[in-house]
């Protein structure tokens, strides 16, 4: 008899700035989506880009999440400690001629709108970035909120980078390898990552890895209608206003925040949020594009 699949969701912040309301909404959504199906919720620190990271920020993020009673149910995975696994995946793709070295610069790709369809730098040195070879193929998937999605990889992304010329591993590679390693079955994240999903699905197929379910929530926008982001130094969560922040994040997910009633007891509020969570309410508040 086949054992039932364990539902696993995850939240994966990059330590490039403090958590903000958009981060909290994404963390809360991924937690509620997994736990409402009696699954597990994990945290992964995506510390792959040292030049952009702020010392001590990863621990601050974990502490902030913990202050909302959001804690990983398995040991936190740190991408900076997993180079050997990314290198193994790259070696396999190179050996199968699914990936290749590329020394094309952004300037050289300008006439192709930055999309790599063929190498324009004729000097091949066996060094530089490593790209995944992308066919003229349309990847289709159904998003849990936004419905059917499709993207032609050759036209919209081209041969995308798996390892940068400076030796740093690219997000697209690391996220695919680590979702599989952690047994992630459900990816809930912001809609700004929607266009990355077809690339990740195609890479999963090339590596023979399973494809999780995907669900992309609406972004939290500032007063000017712009996405909150750490790179824009969006204001961190106010330590003295965590209850209000939790209520606001829950409302953003289309839920009734009046069920949250104990400002001093975050564990109780998180439990109440889970008990009353209704995915259909989120679907009704989501604009389909």
Protein backbone atom coordinates (compact mmCIF):
# COMPACT_ATOMS: atom_id res chain seq x y z
CA UNK A 1 0.00 0.00 0.00
CA UNK A 2 1.45 3.39 -1.02
CA UNK A 3 2.04 5.80 1.84
CA UNK A 4 0.32 9.18 1.46
CA UNK A 5 2.51 12.05 0.29
CA UNK A 6 3.72 14.42 2.98
CA UNK A 7 2.72 17.98 2.14
CA UNK A 8 5.67 20.31 2.62
CA UNK A 9 5.69 24.04 2.12
CA UNK A 10 8.55 26.46 2.65
CA UNK A 11 9.49 30.11 3.02
CA UNK A 12 12.86 31.11 1.62
CA UNK A 13 14.02 34.68 2.34
CA UNK A 14 17.30 36.18 1.14
CA UNK A 15 19.29 38.04 3.84
CA UNK A 16 19.58 41.26 1.85
CA UNK A 17 17.34 43.35 4.10
CA UNK A 18 14.79 43.12 6.91
CA UNK A 19 11.52 41.31 6.56
CA UNK A 20 8.66 43.63 5.64
CA UNK A 21 4.92 43.29 5.19
CA UNK A 22 5.30 41.59 1.83
CA UNK A 23 7.66 39.04 3.39
CA UNK A 24 5.27 38.39 6.26
CA UNK A 25 2.32 37.89 3.90
CA UNK A 26 4.31 35.36 1.85
CA UNK A 27 5.54 33.52 4.94
CA UNK A 28 2.06 33.42 6.43
CA UNK A 29 0.48 32.25 3.17
CA UNK A 30 2.99 29.43 2.74
CA UNK A 31 2.53 28.36 6.36
CA UNK A 32 -1.27 28.36 6.24
CA UNK A 33 -1.42 26.60 2.88
CA UNK A 34 0.79 23.76 4.13
CA UNK A 35 -0.61 23.42 7.64
CA UNK A 36 -4.24 23.56 6.44
CA UNK A 37 -3.47 20.31 4.62
CA UNK A 38 -1.80 18.81 7.72
CA UNK A 39 1.61 19.31 6.19
CA UNK A 40 4.99 20.59 7.34
CA UNK A 41 6.41 24.08 6.97
CA UNK A 42 10.12 24.70 6.43
CA UNK A 43 12.44 27.71 6.27
CA UNK A 44 15.37 27.99 3.88
CA UNK A 45 17.87 30.85 3.89
CA UNK A 46 18.79 31.78 0.32
CA UNK A 47 22.23 33.25 1.09
CA UNK A 48 23.77 32.77 -2.34
CA UNK A 49 24.86 36.32 -3.09
CA UNK A 50 27.40 37.53 -0.48
CA UNK A 51 27.95 40.97 -2.09
CA UNK A 52 24.27 41.82 -1.54
CA UNK A 53 23.85 40.25 1.90
CA UNK A 54 23.89 42.15 5.18
CA UNK A 55 25.85 40.55 8.04
CA UNK A 56 23.55 39.23 10.74
CA UNK A 57 20.41 39.75 8.63
CA UNK A 58 19.62 36.06 8.23
CA UNK A 59 19.45 35.54 11.99
CA UNK A 60 17.39 38.71 12.34
CA UNK A 61 14.93 37.33 9.79
CA UNK A 62 14.68 34.05 11.67
CA UNK A 63 14.14 35.92 14.93
CA UNK A 64 11.44 38.07 13.32
CA UNK A 65 9.64 35.01 11.99
CA UNK A 66 9.89 33.35 15.40
CA UNK A 67 8.29 36.40 17.01
CA UNK A 68 5.20 35.58 14.93
CA UNK A 69 5.44 31.92 16.06
CA UNK A 70 6.60 31.01 12.54
CA UNK A 71 9.33 28.40 13.01
CA UNK A 72 10.71 25.74 10.71
CA UNK A 73 9.63 22.21 11.56
CA UNK A 74 12.90 20.80 10.24
CA UNK A 75 16.41 22.25 10.54
CA UNK A 76 16.82 25.49 8.59
CA UNK A 77 18.62 24.89 5.30
CA UNK A 78 21.34 27.40 4.32
CA UNK A 79 22.12 27.56 0.63
CA UNK A 80 25.64 28.87 1.25
CA UNK A 81 26.50 25.41 2.63
CA UNK A 82 25.22 23.43 -0.36
CA UNK A 83 27.66 24.22 -3.17
CA UNK A 84 28.56 20.57 -3.72
CA UNK A 85 24.95 19.70 -4.56
CA UNK A 86 24.63 22.53 -7.05
CA UNK A 87 27.94 21.54 -8.62
CA UNK A 88 26.79 17.93 -8.97
CA UNK A 89 23.65 19.06 -10.79
CA UNK A 90 25.69 21.32 -13.08
CA UNK A 91 28.16 18.56 -13.90
CA UNK A 92 25.31 16.27 -14.87
CA UNK A 93 23.74 18.90 -17.14
CA UNK A 94 27.09 19.68 -18.78
CA UNK A 95 27.86 16.02 -19.40
CA UNK A 96 24.44 15.58 -21.04
CA UNK A 97 24.99 18.71 -23.18
CA UNK A 98 21.95 20.32 -21.57
CA UNK A 99 24.11 23.16 -20.26
CA UNK A 100 27.11 25.00 -21.71
CA UNK A 101 29.75 27.60 -20.88
CA UNK A 102 29.00 31.08 -22.18
CA UNK A 103 31.15 34.20 -22.17
CA UNK A 104 28.59 36.51 -23.81
CA UNK A 105 28.29 39.85 -22.03
CA UNK A 106 25.11 41.84 -21.47
CA UNK A 107 26.36 44.41 -23.95
CA UNK A 108 26.80 41.74 -26.59
CA UNK A 109 23.26 40.47 -25.99
CA UNK A 110 21.70 43.92 -26.19
CA UNK A 111 20.53 43.46 -29.77
CA UNK A 112 18.63 40.37 -28.60
CA UNK A 113 16.94 42.33 -25.78
CA UNK A 114 19.24 40.55 -23.34
CA UNK A 115 17.79 37.15 -24.25
CA UNK A 116 20.39 34.49 -25.04
CA UNK A 117 19.38 32.37 -28.03
CA UNK A 118 22.87 31.75 -29.37
CA UNK A 119 26.37 32.76 -28.36
CA UNK A 120 27.37 36.03 -29.97
CA UNK A 121 30.85 35.97 -28.45
CA UNK A 122 32.78 33.73 -30.80
CA UNK A 123 35.69 33.22 -28.44
CA UNK A 124 34.82 30.10 -26.45
CA UNK A 125 37.24 29.63 -23.58
CA UNK A 126 35.43 26.96 -21.57
CA UNK A 127 34.94 29.56 -18.86
CA UNK A 128 32.38 32.22 -17.98
CA UNK A 129 28.79 31.62 -17.00
CA UNK A 130 27.01 28.29 -17.34
CA UNK A 131 23.63 28.45 -19.09
CA UNK A 132 20.86 25.90 -19.54
CA UNK A 133 20.16 25.09 -23.17
CA UNK A 134 16.54 26.11 -23.81
CA UNK A 135 14.44 24.77 -26.73
CA UNK A 136 11.61 26.48 -28.57
CA UNK A 137 9.14 24.95 -26.17
CA UNK A 138 6.15 26.22 -24.22
CA UNK A 139 5.93 25.20 -20.57
CA UNK A 140 2.43 25.09 -19.14
CA UNK A 141 1.26 24.74 -15.55
CA UNK A 142 -1.77 25.60 -13.45
CA UNK A 143 -1.22 28.08 -10.65
CA UNK A 144 -3.27 27.49 -7.51
CA UNK A 145 -4.66 31.03 -7.65
CA UNK A 146 -4.01 32.41 -11.12
CA UNK A 147 -5.06 29.38 -13.10
CA UNK A 148 -3.48 28.15 -16.36
CA UNK A 149 -0.09 29.68 -17.20
CA UNK A 150 2.17 29.25 -20.22
CA UNK A 151 5.55 30.58 -21.28
CA UNK A 152 7.62 29.97 -24.39
CA UNK A 153 11.12 29.66 -23.01
CA UNK A 154 13.04 30.46 -26.19
CA UNK A 155 11.02 33.61 -26.85
CA UNK A 156 10.69 34.94 -23.30
CA UNK A 157 13.76 33.82 -21.34
CA UNK A 158 16.30 32.24 -23.65
CA UNK A 159 19.18 30.13 -22.38
CA UNK A 160 19.23 31.16 -18.73
CA UNK A 161 22.13 31.29 -16.30
CA UNK A 162 22.71 28.49 -13.79
CA UNK A 163 26.11 29.67 -12.54
CA UNK A 164 27.33 33.21 -12.94
CA UNK A 165 30.68 34.18 -14.44
CA UNK A 166 31.81 35.31 -10.97
CA UNK A 167 31.33 31.76 -9.68
CA UNK A 168 28.08 32.33 -7.76
CA UNK A 169 25.24 29.88 -8.29
CA UNK A 170 22.06 31.30 -9.77
CA UNK A 171 18.73 31.33 -7.97
CA UNK A 172 17.01 29.20 -10.63
CA UNK A 173 19.42 26.30 -10.08
CA UNK A 174 19.59 26.46 -6.29
CA UNK A 175 15.84 26.70 -5.76
CA UNK A 176 15.19 23.65 -7.94
CA UNK A 177 17.88 21.52 -6.31
CA UNK A 178 16.85 22.51 -2.79
CA UNK A 179 13.09 22.15 -3.24
CA UNK A 180 13.74 18.56 -4.31
CA UNK A 181 16.24 17.93 -1.51
CA UNK A 182 13.78 19.19 1.11
CA UNK A 183 10.87 17.26 -0.33
CA UNK A 184 8.90 20.46 -0.99
CA UNK A 185 5.55 19.64 -2.59
CA UNK A 186 3.94 23.07 -2.43
CA UNK A 187 5.53 26.43 -3.30
CA UNK A 188 3.54 29.48 -2.16
CA UNK A 189 5.23 32.79 -2.89
CA UNK A 190 4.72 36.29 -4.28
CA UNK A 191 3.40 36.88 -7.79
CA UNK A 192 6.68 38.58 -8.73
CA UNK A 193 8.18 35.10 -9.08
CA UNK A 194 5.44 33.79 -11.36
CA UNK A 195 7.54 34.19 -14.51
CA UNK A 196 10.40 32.19 -12.95
CA UNK A 197 8.20 29.13 -12.49
CA UNK A 198 8.29 27.82 -16.09
CA UNK A 199 12.09 27.95 -16.06
CA UNK A 200 12.16 26.05 -12.79
CA UNK A 201 9.71 23.44 -14.09
CA UNK A 202 11.79 22.93 -17.23
CA UNK A 203 14.98 22.58 -15.17
CA UNK A 204 13.27 20.09 -12.86
CA UNK A 205 12.44 17.99 -15.90
CA UNK A 206 16.04 18.10 -17.15
CA UNK A 207 17.29 16.90 -13.76
CA UNK A 208 14.55 14.30 -13.32
CA UNK A 209 13.19 16.04 -10.23
CA UNK A 210 9.55 16.27 -9.12
CA UNK A 211 7.52 19.42 -9.75
CA UNK A 212 5.74 20.92 -6.73
CA UNK A 213 2.36 22.64 -6.82
CA UNK A 214 2.68 26.40 -7.30
CA UNK A 215 0.54 29.20 -5.89
CA UNK A 216 1.47 32.86 -6.28
CA UNK A 217 -0.16 35.39 -3.98
CA UNK A 218 -0.85 39.06 -4.79
CA UNK A 219 1.99 41.41 -3.91
CA UNK A 220 1.77 43.86 -1.04
CA UNK A 221 2.14 47.31 -2.57
CA UNK A 222 3.15 50.62 -1.04
CA UNK A 223 1.02 53.78 -1.14
CA UNK A 224 2.32 54.55 -4.62
CA UNK A 225 1.34 51.15 -5.95
CA UNK A 226 4.90 49.83 -6.03
CA UNK A 227 6.05 46.42 -4.83
CA UNK A 228 7.66 46.36 -1.41
CA UNK A 229 11.16 44.94 -1.67
CA UNK A 230 14.24 44.61 0.46
CA UNK A 231 16.33 46.06 -2.35
CA UNK A 232 14.27 49.25 -2.08
CA UNK A 233 14.72 49.19 1.70
CA UNK A 234 11.06 48.72 2.44
CA UNK A 235 10.41 49.46 6.09
CA UNK A 236 11.01 46.51 8.38
CA UNK A 237 8.23 45.22 10.58
CA UNK A 238 7.71 47.42 13.62
CA UNK A 239 8.70 45.40 16.72
CA UNK A 240 5.96 47.14 18.70
CA UNK A 241 3.26 46.56 16.10
CA UNK A 242 3.53 42.86 15.36
CA UNK A 243 -0.10 42.10 16.12
CA UNK A 244 -1.26 44.80 13.72
CA UNK A 245 1.19 43.52 11.13
CA UNK A 246 -0.14 39.97 11.48
CA UNK A 247 -3.71 41.22 11.13
CA UNK A 248 -2.78 43.21 8.03
CA UNK A 249 -1.03 40.21 6.44
CA UNK A 250 -4.02 37.98 7.17
CA UNK A 251 -6.38 40.54 5.62
CA UNK A 252 -4.13 40.72 2.56
CA UNK A 253 -4.78 37.00 2.11
CA UNK A 254 -8.52 37.68 2.00
CA UNK A 255 -9.13 36.38 5.51
CA UNK A 256 -11.18 37.73 8.41
CA UNK A 257 -8.64 39.22 10.83
CA UNK A 258 -11.24 39.64 13.61
CA UNK A 259 -10.52 36.01 14.56
CA UNK A 260 -7.11 37.23 15.79
CA UNK A 261 -7.81 38.54 19.27
CA UNK A 262 -4.77 38.24 21.52
CA UNK A 263 -2.10 40.87 20.82
CA UNK A 264 0.28 39.34 23.36
CA UNK A 265 -0.10 35.71 22.28
CA UNK A 266 1.21 35.15 18.77
CA UNK A 267 1.04 31.35 19.02
CA UNK A 268 -2.68 31.59 19.81
CA UNK A 269 -3.23 34.03 16.92
CA UNK A 270 -1.38 31.80 14.47
CA UNK A 271 -3.48 28.84 15.59
CA UNK A 272 -6.66 30.87 15.13
CA UNK A 273 -5.50 32.05 11.73
CA UNK A 274 -4.94 28.44 10.69
CA UNK A 275 -8.26 27.25 12.10
CA UNK A 276 -10.21 29.87 10.12
CA UNK A 277 -8.06 29.89 6.98
CA UNK A 278 -10.13 29.56 3.80
CA UNK A 279 -8.24 29.31 0.51
CA UNK A 280 -11.41 30.16 -1.41
CA UNK A 281 -11.44 33.59 0.25
CA UNK A 282 -7.96 34.24 -1.12
CA UNK A 283 -9.05 33.08 -4.57
CA UNK A 284 -11.97 35.48 -4.52
CA UNK A 285 -9.69 38.42 -3.74
CA UNK A 286 -7.14 37.57 -6.43
CA UNK A 287 -7.29 39.36 -9.77
CA UNK A 288 -6.65 36.89 -12.53
CA UNK A 289 -4.29 38.10 -15.22
